[in-house]
């Protein structure tokens, strides 16, 4: 889940803040979720590098990985709305 704690860790404001600044639109929501993925892309890279080197990750990234999955699911839903699906 995209909790306030996770968002703060990656220097983001909640979706409501995005909507207040940019408007309550599908594009605003897409921007929010896409920004979250961009802000957390390094997590996937760190995990891949650790796996390649046969090392354990230096942190537990379970929460952020679940949040990234949620963001991808929301993006897919929103893109379906944009495309009339």
PDB file of N, CA and C in Angstrom:
ATOM      1  N   UNK A   1       0.833  -1.182   0.000  1.00  0.00           N
ATOM      2  CA  UNK A   1       0.000   0.000   0.000  1.00  0.00           C
ATOM      3  C   UNK A   1       0.877   1.245   0.000  1.00  0.00           C
ATOM      4  N   UNK A   2       0.441   2.245  -0.701  1.00  0.00           N
ATOM      5  CA  UNK A   2       1.176   3.507  -0.766  1.00  0.00           C
ATOM      6  C   UNK A   2       0.847   4.353   0.459  1.00  0.00           C
ATOM      7  N   UNK A   3       1.480   4.028   1.556  1.00  0.00           N
ATOM      8  CA  UNK A   3       1.229   4.749   2.800  1.00  0.00           C
ATOM      9  C   UNK A   3       1.976   6.077   2.799  1.00  0.00           C
ATOM     10  N   UNK A   4       1.555   6.968   3.680  1.00  0.00           N
ATOM     11  CA  UNK A   4       2.251   8.253   3.814  1.00  0.00           C
ATOM     12  C   UNK A   4       3.712   8.033   4.192  1.00  0.00           C
ATOM     13  N   UNK A   5       3.976   7.009   5.003  1.00  0.00           N
ATOM     14  CA  UNK A   5       5.340   6.706   5.432  1.00  0.00           C
ATOM     15  C   UNK A   5       6.217   6.322   4.231  1.00  0.00           C
ATOM     16  N   UNK A   6       5.703   5.452   3.380  1.00  0.00           N
ATOM     17  CA  UNK A   6       6.467   5.044   2.202  1.00  0.00           C
ATOM     18  C   UNK A   6       6.670   6.240   1.279  1.00  0.00           C
ATOM     19  N   UNK A   7       5.612   7.019   1.065  1.00  0.00           N
ATOM     20  CA  UNK A   7       5.733   8.188   0.192  1.00  0.00           C
ATOM     21  C   UNK A   7       6.776   9.162   0.728  1.00  0.00           C
ATOM     22  N   UNK A   8       6.758   9.416   2.034  1.00  0.00           N
ATOM     23  CA  UNK A   8       7.726  10.342   2.632  1.00  0.00           C
ATOM     24  C   UNK A   8       9.151   9.820   2.480  1.00  0.00           C
ATOM     25  N   UNK A   9       9.321   8.520   2.615  1.00  0.00           N
ATOM     26  CA  UNK A   9      10.652   7.917   2.476  1.00  0.00           C
ATOM     27  C   UNK A   9      11.252   8.203   1.093  1.00  0.00           C
ATOM     28  N   UNK A  10      10.373   8.318   0.098  1.00  0.00           N
ATOM     29  CA  UNK A  10      10.830   8.555  -1.278  1.00  0.00           C
ATOM     30  C   UNK A  10      10.515   9.977  -1.750  1.00  0.00           C
ATOM     31  N   UNK A  11      10.343  10.877  -0.759  1.00  0.00           N
ATOM     32  CA  UNK A  11      10.198  12.316  -1.019  1.00  0.00           C
ATOM     33  C   UNK A  11       9.006  12.648  -1.898  1.00  0.00           C
ATOM     34  N   UNK A  12       7.875  12.035  -1.576  1.00  0.00           N
ATOM     35  CA  UNK A  12       6.656  12.279  -2.330  1.00  0.00           C
ATOM     36  C   UNK A  12       5.537  12.727  -1.397  1.00  0.00           C
ATOM     37  N   UNK A  13       4.609  13.470  -1.956  1.00  0.00           N
ATOM     38  CA  UNK A  13       3.410  13.862  -1.229  1.00  0.00           C
ATOM     39  C   UNK A  13       2.290  12.895  -1.608  1.00  0.00           C
ATOM     40  N   UNK A  14       1.257  12.794  -0.781  1.00  0.00           N
ATOM     41  CA  UNK A  14       0.142  11.891  -1.105  1.00  0.00           C
ATOM     42  C   UNK A  14      -0.595  12.317  -2.374  1.00  0.00           C
ATOM     43  N   UNK A  15      -1.368  11.389  -2.910  1.00  0.00           N
ATOM     44  CA  UNK A  15      -2.140  11.636  -4.125  1.00  0.00           C
ATOM     45  C   UNK A  15      -3.041  12.859  -3.966  1.00  0.00           C
ATOM     46  N   UNK A  16      -3.617  13.046  -2.798  1.00  0.00           N
ATOM     47  CA  UNK A  16      -4.489  14.210  -2.573  1.00  0.00           C
ATOM     48  C   UNK A  16      -3.731  15.515  -2.817  1.00  0.00           C
ATOM     49  N   UNK A  17      -2.467  15.549  -2.454  1.00  0.00           N
ATOM     50  CA  UNK A  17      -1.649  16.738  -2.698  1.00  0.00           C
ATOM     51  C   UNK A  17      -1.429  16.972  -4.185  1.00  0.00           C
ATOM     52  N   UNK A  18      -1.202  15.902  -4.932  1.00  0.00           N
ATOM     53  CA  UNK A  18      -1.068  16.020  -6.391  1.00  0.00           C
ATOM     54  C   UNK A  18      -2.349  16.573  -6.993  1.00  0.00           C
ATOM     55  N   UNK A  19      -3.483  16.033  -6.529  1.00  0.00           N
ATOM     56  CA  UNK A  19      -4.774  16.476  -7.057  1.00  0.00           C
ATOM     57  C   UNK A  19      -5.038  17.938  -6.717  1.00  0.00           C
ATOM     58  N   UNK A  20      -4.645  18.353  -5.514  1.00  0.00           N
ATOM     59  CA  UNK A  20      -4.842  19.748  -5.117  1.00  0.00           C
ATOM     60  C   UNK A  20      -4.011  20.687  -5.996  1.00  0.00           C
ATOM     61  N   UNK A  21      -2.816  20.256  -6.364  1.00  0.00           N
ATOM     62  CA  UNK A  21      -1.931  21.098  -7.176  1.00  0.00           C
ATOM     63  C   UNK A  21      -2.256  21.037  -8.663  1.00  0.00           C
ATOM     64  N   UNK A  22      -2.588  19.830  -9.150  1.00  0.00           N
ATOM     65  CA  UNK A  22      -2.693  19.623 -10.594  1.00  0.00           C
ATOM     66  C   UNK A  22      -4.110  19.369 -11.098  1.00  0.00           C
ATOM     67  N   UNK A  23      -5.053  19.184 -10.175  1.00  0.00           N
ATOM     68  CA  UNK A  23      -6.431  18.910 -10.577  1.00  0.00           C
ATOM     69  C   UNK A  23      -6.761  17.435 -10.422  1.00  0.00           C
ATOM     70  N   UNK A  24      -8.032  17.172 -10.257  1.00  0.00           N
ATOM     71  CA  UNK A  24      -8.504  15.809 -10.041  1.00  0.00           C
ATOM     72  C   UNK A  24      -8.783  15.157 -11.398  1.00  0.00           C
ATOM     73  N   UNK A  25      -7.704  14.763 -12.084  1.00  0.00           N
ATOM     74  CA  UNK A  25      -7.842  14.170 -13.412  1.00  0.00           C
ATOM     75  C   UNK A  25      -7.132  12.825 -13.466  1.00  0.00           C
ATOM     76  N   UNK A  26      -7.474  12.061 -14.476  1.00  0.00           N
ATOM     77  CA  UNK A  26      -6.790  10.783 -14.710  1.00  0.00           C
ATOM     78  C   UNK A  26      -5.302  11.030 -14.942  1.00  0.00           C
ATOM     79  N   UNK A  27      -4.979  12.069 -15.676  1.00  0.00           N
ATOM     80  CA  UNK A  27      -3.566  12.392 -15.964  1.00  0.00           C
ATOM     81  C   UNK A  27      -2.793  12.687 -14.675  1.00  0.00           C
ATOM     82  N   UNK A  28      -3.426  13.367 -13.725  1.00  0.00           N
ATOM     83  CA  UNK A  28      -2.778  13.647 -12.445  1.00  0.00           C
ATOM     84  C   UNK A  28      -2.484  12.352 -11.702  1.00  0.00           C
ATOM     85  N   UNK A  29      -3.456  11.447 -11.685  1.00  0.00           N
ATOM     86  CA  UNK A  29      -3.243  10.168 -11.007  1.00  0.00           C
ATOM     87  C   UNK A  29      -2.130   9.371 -11.694  1.00  0.00           C
ATOM     88  N   UNK A  30      -2.129   9.359 -13.019  1.00  0.00           N
ATOM     89  CA  UNK A  30      -1.050   8.677 -13.743  1.00  0.00           C
ATOM     90  C   UNK A  30       0.301   9.267 -13.383  1.00  0.00           C
ATOM     91  N   UNK A  31       0.372  10.588 -13.344  1.00  0.00           N
ATOM     92  CA  UNK A  31       1.628  11.262 -12.991  1.00  0.00           C
ATOM     93  C   UNK A  31       2.085  10.852 -11.601  1.00  0.00           C
ATOM     94  N   UNK A  32       1.171  10.792 -10.652  1.00  0.00           N
ATOM     95  CA  UNK A  32       1.500  10.396  -9.283  1.00  0.00           C
ATOM     96  C   UNK A  32       2.103   8.993  -9.244  1.00  0.00           C
ATOM     97  N   UNK A  33       1.404   8.034  -9.842  1.00  0.00           N
ATOM     98  CA  UNK A  33       1.884   6.645  -9.785  1.00  0.00           C
ATOM     99  C   UNK A  33       3.163   6.449 -10.595  1.00  0.00           C
ATOM    100  N   UNK A  34       3.276   7.096 -11.726  1.00  0.00           N
ATOM    101  CA  UNK A  34       4.494   6.996 -12.530  1.00  0.00           C
ATOM    102  C   UNK A  34       5.677   7.637 -11.805  1.00  0.00           C
ATOM    103  N   UNK A  35       5.425   8.732 -11.099  1.00  0.00           N
ATOM    104  CA  UNK A  35       6.490   9.369 -10.321  1.00  0.00           C
ATOM    105  C   UNK A  35       6.947   8.451  -9.203  1.00  0.00           C
ATOM    106  N   UNK A  36       6.002   7.777  -8.548  1.00  0.00           N
ATOM    107  CA  UNK A  36       6.381   6.840  -7.490  1.00  0.00           C
ATOM    108  C   UNK A  36       7.282   5.742  -8.043  1.00  0.00           C
ATOM    109  N   UNK A  37       6.930   5.194  -9.193  1.00  0.00           N
ATOM    110  CA  UNK A  37       7.771   4.152  -9.788  1.00  0.00           C
ATOM    111  C   UNK A  37       9.157   4.700 -10.114  1.00  0.00           C
ATOM    112  N   UNK A  38       9.220   5.897 -10.636  1.00  0.00           N
ATOM    113  CA  UNK A  38      10.514   6.508 -10.954  1.00  0.00           C
ATOM    114  C   UNK A  38      11.343   6.703  -9.687  1.00  0.00           C
ATOM    115  N   UNK A  39      10.699   7.180  -8.634  1.00  0.00           N
ATOM    116  CA  UNK A  39      11.402   7.438  -7.373  1.00  0.00           C
ATOM    117  C   UNK A  39      11.914   6.152  -6.716  1.00  0.00           C
ATOM    118  N   UNK A  40      11.304   5.029  -7.040  1.00  0.00           N
ATOM    119  CA  UNK A  40      11.680   3.766  -6.400  1.00  0.00           C
ATOM    120  C   UNK A  40      12.358   2.784  -7.360  1.00  0.00           C
ATOM    121  N   UNK A  41      12.655   3.218  -8.576  1.00  0.00           N
ATOM    122  CA  UNK A  41      13.315   2.326  -9.536  1.00  0.00           C
ATOM    123  C   UNK A  41      14.635   1.767  -9.012  1.00  0.00           C
ATOM    124  N   UNK A  42      15.349   2.556  -8.221  1.00  0.00           N
ATOM    125  CA  UNK A  42      16.643   2.087  -7.737  1.00  0.00           C
ATOM    126  C   UNK A  42      16.509   0.843  -6.855  1.00  0.00           C
ATOM    127  N   UNK A  43      15.342   0.648  -6.231  1.00  0.00           N
ATOM    128  CA  UNK A  43      15.136  -0.529  -5.383  1.00  0.00           C
ATOM    129  C   UNK A  43      15.264  -1.795  -6.229  1.00  0.00           C
ATOM    130  N   UNK A  44      14.607  -1.811  -7.383  1.00  0.00           N
ATOM    131  CA  UNK A  44      14.690  -2.979  -8.268  1.00  0.00           C
ATOM    132  C   UNK A  44      16.129  -3.206  -8.711  1.00  0.00           C
ATOM    133  N   UNK A  45      16.836  -2.127  -8.998  1.00  0.00           N
ATOM    134  CA  UNK A  45      18.238  -2.252  -9.417  1.00  0.00           C
ATOM    135  C   UNK A  45      19.094  -2.814  -8.272  1.00  0.00           C
ATOM    136  N   UNK A  46      18.878  -2.326  -7.059  1.00  0.00           N
ATOM    137  CA  UNK A  46      19.647  -2.829  -5.910  1.00  0.00           C
ATOM    138  C   UNK A  46      19.398  -4.312  -5.683  1.00  0.00           C
ATOM    139  N   UNK A  47      18.131  -4.721  -5.787  1.00  0.00           N
ATOM    140  CA  UNK A  47      17.805  -6.135  -5.576  1.00  0.00           C
ATOM    141  C   UNK A  47      18.399  -7.006  -6.674  1.00  0.00           C
ATOM    142  N   UNK A  48      18.361  -6.535  -7.899  1.00  0.00           N
ATOM    143  CA  UNK A  48      18.947  -7.288  -9.012  1.00  0.00           C
ATOM    144  C   UNK A  48      20.451  -7.428  -8.836  1.00  0.00           C
ATOM    145  N   UNK A  49      21.097  -6.349  -8.460  1.00  0.00           N
ATOM    146  CA  UNK A  49      22.547  -6.380  -8.258  1.00  0.00           C
ATOM    147  C   UNK A  49      22.922  -7.330  -7.125  1.00  0.00           C
ATOM    148  N   UNK A  50      22.177  -7.275  -6.030  1.00  0.00           N
ATOM    149  CA  UNK A  50      22.453  -8.173  -4.901  1.00  0.00           C
ATOM    150  C   UNK A  50      22.277  -9.630  -5.322  1.00  0.00           C
ATOM    151  N   UNK A  51      21.213  -9.913  -6.072  1.00  0.00           N
ATOM    152  CA  UNK A  51      20.981 -11.284  -6.536  1.00  0.00           C
ATOM    153  C   UNK A  51      22.105 -11.739  -7.462  1.00  0.00           C
ATOM    154  N   UNK A  52      22.528 -10.867  -8.357  1.00  0.00           N
ATOM    155  CA  UNK A  52      23.602 -11.191  -9.295  1.00  0.00           C
ATOM    156  C   UNK A  52      24.899 -11.503  -8.544  1.00  0.00           C
ATOM    157  N   UNK A  53      25.157 -10.739  -7.487  1.00  0.00           N
ATOM    158  CA  UNK A  53      26.385 -10.935  -6.711  1.00  0.00           C
ATOM    159  C   UNK A  53      26.247 -12.029  -5.660  1.00  0.00           C
ATOM    160  N   UNK A  54      25.047 -12.621  -5.555  1.00  0.00           N
ATOM    161  CA  UNK A  54      24.829 -13.677  -4.575  1.00  0.00           C
ATOM    162  C   UNK A  54      24.776 -13.158  -3.158  1.00  0.00           C
ATOM    163  N   UNK A  55      24.389 -11.904  -3.004  1.00  0.00           N
ATOM    164  CA  UNK A  55      24.336 -11.285  -1.685  1.00  0.00           C
ATOM    165  C   UNK A  55      22.894 -11.068  -1.258  1.00  0.00           C
ATOM    166  N   UNK A  56      22.697 -10.961   0.035  1.00  0.00           N
ATOM    167  CA  UNK A  56      21.381 -10.617   0.565  1.00  0.00           C
ATOM    168  C   UNK A  56      21.203  -9.106   0.451  1.00  0.00           C
ATOM    169  N   UNK A  57      19.996  -8.653   0.195  1.00  0.00           N
ATOM    170  CA  UNK A  57      19.755  -7.205   0.159  1.00  0.00           C
ATOM    171  C   UNK A  57      20.085  -6.580   1.514  1.00  0.00           C
ATOM    172  N   UNK A  58      20.489  -5.327   1.500  1.00  0.00           N
ATOM    173  CA  UNK A  58      20.871  -4.658   2.745  1.00  0.00           C
ATOM    174  C   UNK A  58      19.669  -4.171   3.549  1.00  0.00           C
ATOM    175  N   UNK A  59      18.469  -4.237   2.967  1.00  0.00           N
ATOM    176  CA  UNK A  59      17.240  -3.830   3.638  1.00  0.00           C
ATOM    177  C   UNK A  59      16.115  -4.778   3.248  1.00  0.00           C
ATOM    178  N   UNK A  60      15.017  -4.699   3.968  1.00  0.00           N
ATOM    179  CA  UNK A  60      13.823  -5.433   3.592  1.00  0.00           C
ATOM    180  C   UNK A  60      12.954  -4.503   2.747  1.00  0.00           C
ATOM    181  N   UNK A  61      12.767  -4.840   1.504  1.00  0.00           N
ATOM    182  CA  UNK A  61      12.030  -3.990   0.575  1.00  0.00           C
ATOM    183  C   UNK A  61      10.623  -4.520   0.285  1.00  0.00           C
ATOM    184  N   UNK A  62      10.111  -5.404   1.129  1.00  0.00           N
ATOM    185  CA  UNK A  62       8.814  -6.012   0.892  1.00  0.00           C
ATOM    186  C   UNK A  62       7.716  -4.966   0.718  1.00  0.00           C
ATOM    187  N   UNK A  63       7.688  -3.971   1.610  1.00  0.00           N
ATOM    188  CA  UNK A  63       6.638  -2.946   1.549  1.00  0.00           C
ATOM    189  C   UNK A  63       6.709  -2.134   0.262  1.00  0.00           C
ATOM    190  N   UNK A  64       7.901  -1.719  -0.103  1.00  0.00           N
ATOM    191  CA  UNK A  64       8.018  -0.877  -1.299  1.00  0.00           C
ATOM    192  C   UNK A  64       7.750  -1.694  -2.557  1.00  0.00           C
ATOM    193  N   UNK A  65       8.110  -2.956  -2.569  1.00  0.00           N
ATOM    194  CA  UNK A  65       7.796  -3.798  -3.728  1.00  0.00           C
ATOM    195  C   UNK A  65       6.287  -3.975  -3.872  1.00  0.00           C
ATOM    196  N   UNK A  66       5.591  -4.139  -2.764  1.00  0.00           N
ATOM    197  CA  UNK A  66       4.123  -4.237  -2.809  1.00  0.00           C
ATOM    198  C   UNK A  66       3.516  -2.917  -3.282  1.00  0.00           C
ATOM    199  N   UNK A  67       4.077  -1.808  -2.831  1.00  0.00           N
ATOM    200  CA  UNK A  67       3.584  -0.492  -3.254  1.00  0.00           C
ATOM    201  C   UNK A  67       3.843  -0.275  -4.738  1.00  0.00           C
ATOM    202  N   UNK A  68       4.992  -0.730  -5.225  1.00  0.00           N
ATOM    203  CA  UNK A  68       5.289  -0.619  -6.656  1.00  0.00           C
ATOM    204  C   UNK A  68       4.289  -1.443  -7.472  1.00  0.00           C
ATOM    205  N   UNK A  69       3.950  -2.627  -6.988  1.00  0.00           N
ATOM    206  CA  UNK A  69       2.956  -3.455  -7.682  1.00  0.00           C
ATOM    207  C   UNK A  69       1.611  -2.747  -7.712  1.00  0.00           C
ATOM    208  N   UNK A  70       1.227  -2.159  -6.585  1.00  0.00           N
ATOM    209  CA  UNK A  70      -0.026  -1.404  -6.521  1.00  0.00           C
ATOM    210  C   UNK A  70      -0.009  -0.249  -7.523  1.00  0.00           C
ATOM    211  N   UNK A  71       1.110   0.457  -7.600  1.00  0.00           N
ATOM    212  CA  UNK A  71       1.220   1.582  -8.534  1.00  0.00           C
ATOM    213  C   UNK A  71       1.064   1.097  -9.976  1.00  0.00           C
ATOM    214  N   UNK A  72       1.699  -0.024 -10.317  1.00  0.00           N
ATOM    215  CA  UNK A  72       1.569  -0.559 -11.688  1.00  0.00           C
ATOM    216  C   UNK A  72       0.123  -0.951 -11.990  1.00  0.00           C
ATOM    217  N   UNK A  73      -0.549  -1.560 -11.006  1.00  0.00           N
ATOM    218  CA  UNK A  73      -1.944  -1.948 -11.201  1.00  0.00           C
ATOM    219  C   UNK A  73      -2.826  -0.718 -11.416  1.00  0.00           C
ATOM    220  N   UNK A  74      -2.598   0.330 -10.639  1.00  0.00           N
ATOM    221  CA  UNK A  74      -3.379   1.566 -10.783  1.00  0.00           C
ATOM    222  C   UNK A  74      -3.112   2.211 -12.147  1.00  0.00           C
ATOM    223  N   UNK A  75      -1.868   2.206 -12.577  1.00  0.00           N
ATOM    224  CA  UNK A  75      -1.531   2.755 -13.893  1.00  0.00           C
ATOM    225  C   UNK A  75      -2.275   1.994 -14.982  1.00  0.00           C
ATOM    226  N   UNK A  76      -2.264   0.676 -14.892  1.00  0.00           N
ATOM    227  CA  UNK A  76      -2.966  -0.140 -15.897  1.00  0.00           C
ATOM    228  C   UNK A  76      -4.460   0.170 -15.914  1.00  0.00           C
ATOM    229  N   UNK A  77      -5.064   0.305 -14.729  1.00  0.00           N
ATOM    230  CA  UNK A  77      -6.486   0.661 -14.658  1.00  0.00           C
ATOM    231  C   UNK A  77      -6.731   2.027 -15.284  1.00  0.00           C
ATOM    232  N   UNK A  78      -5.908   2.999 -14.925  1.00  0.00           N
ATOM    233  CA  UNK A  78      -6.096   4.368 -15.409  1.00  0.00           C
ATOM    234  C   UNK A  78      -5.880   4.461 -16.914  1.00  0.00           C
ATOM    235  N   UNK A  79      -4.925   3.720 -17.426  1.00  0.00           N
ATOM    236  CA  UNK A  79      -4.703   3.724 -18.879  1.00  0.00           C
ATOM    237  C   UNK A  79      -5.870   3.081 -19.601  1.00  0.00           C
ATOM    238  N   UNK A  80      -6.493   2.099 -18.954  1.00  0.00           N
ATOM    239  CA  UNK A  80      -7.696   1.503 -19.518  1.00  0.00           C
ATOM    240  C   UNK A  80      -8.827   2.515 -19.576  1.00  0.00           C
ATOM    241  N   UNK A  81      -8.957   3.350 -18.547  1.00  0.00           N
ATOM    242  CA  UNK A  81      -9.968   4.402 -18.525  1.00  0.00           C
ATOM    243  C   UNK A  81      -9.681   5.415 -19.622  1.00  0.00           C
ATOM    244  N   UNK A  82      -8.414   5.800 -19.768  1.00  0.00           N
ATOM    245  CA  UNK A  82      -8.047   6.754 -20.807  1.00  0.00           C
ATOM    246  C   UNK A  82      -8.368   6.251 -22.192  1.00  0.00           C
ATOM    247  N   UNK A  83      -8.176   4.948 -22.385  1.00  0.00           N
ATOM    248  CA  UNK A  83      -8.395   4.350 -23.691  1.00  0.00           C
ATOM    249  C   UNK A  83      -9.833   3.856 -23.883  1.00  0.00           C
ATOM    250  N   UNK A  84     -10.677   4.121 -22.896  1.00  0.00           N
ATOM    251  CA  UNK A  84     -12.077   3.726 -23.015  1.00  0.00           C
ATOM    252  C   UNK A  84     -12.322   2.256 -22.821  1.00  0.00           C
ATOM    253  N   UNK A  85     -11.427   1.574 -22.146  1.00  0.00           N
ATOM    254  CA  UNK A  85     -11.573   0.121 -21.925  1.00  0.00           C
ATOM    255  C   UNK A  85     -12.335  -0.117 -20.635  1.00  0.00           C
TER     256      UNK A  85
END
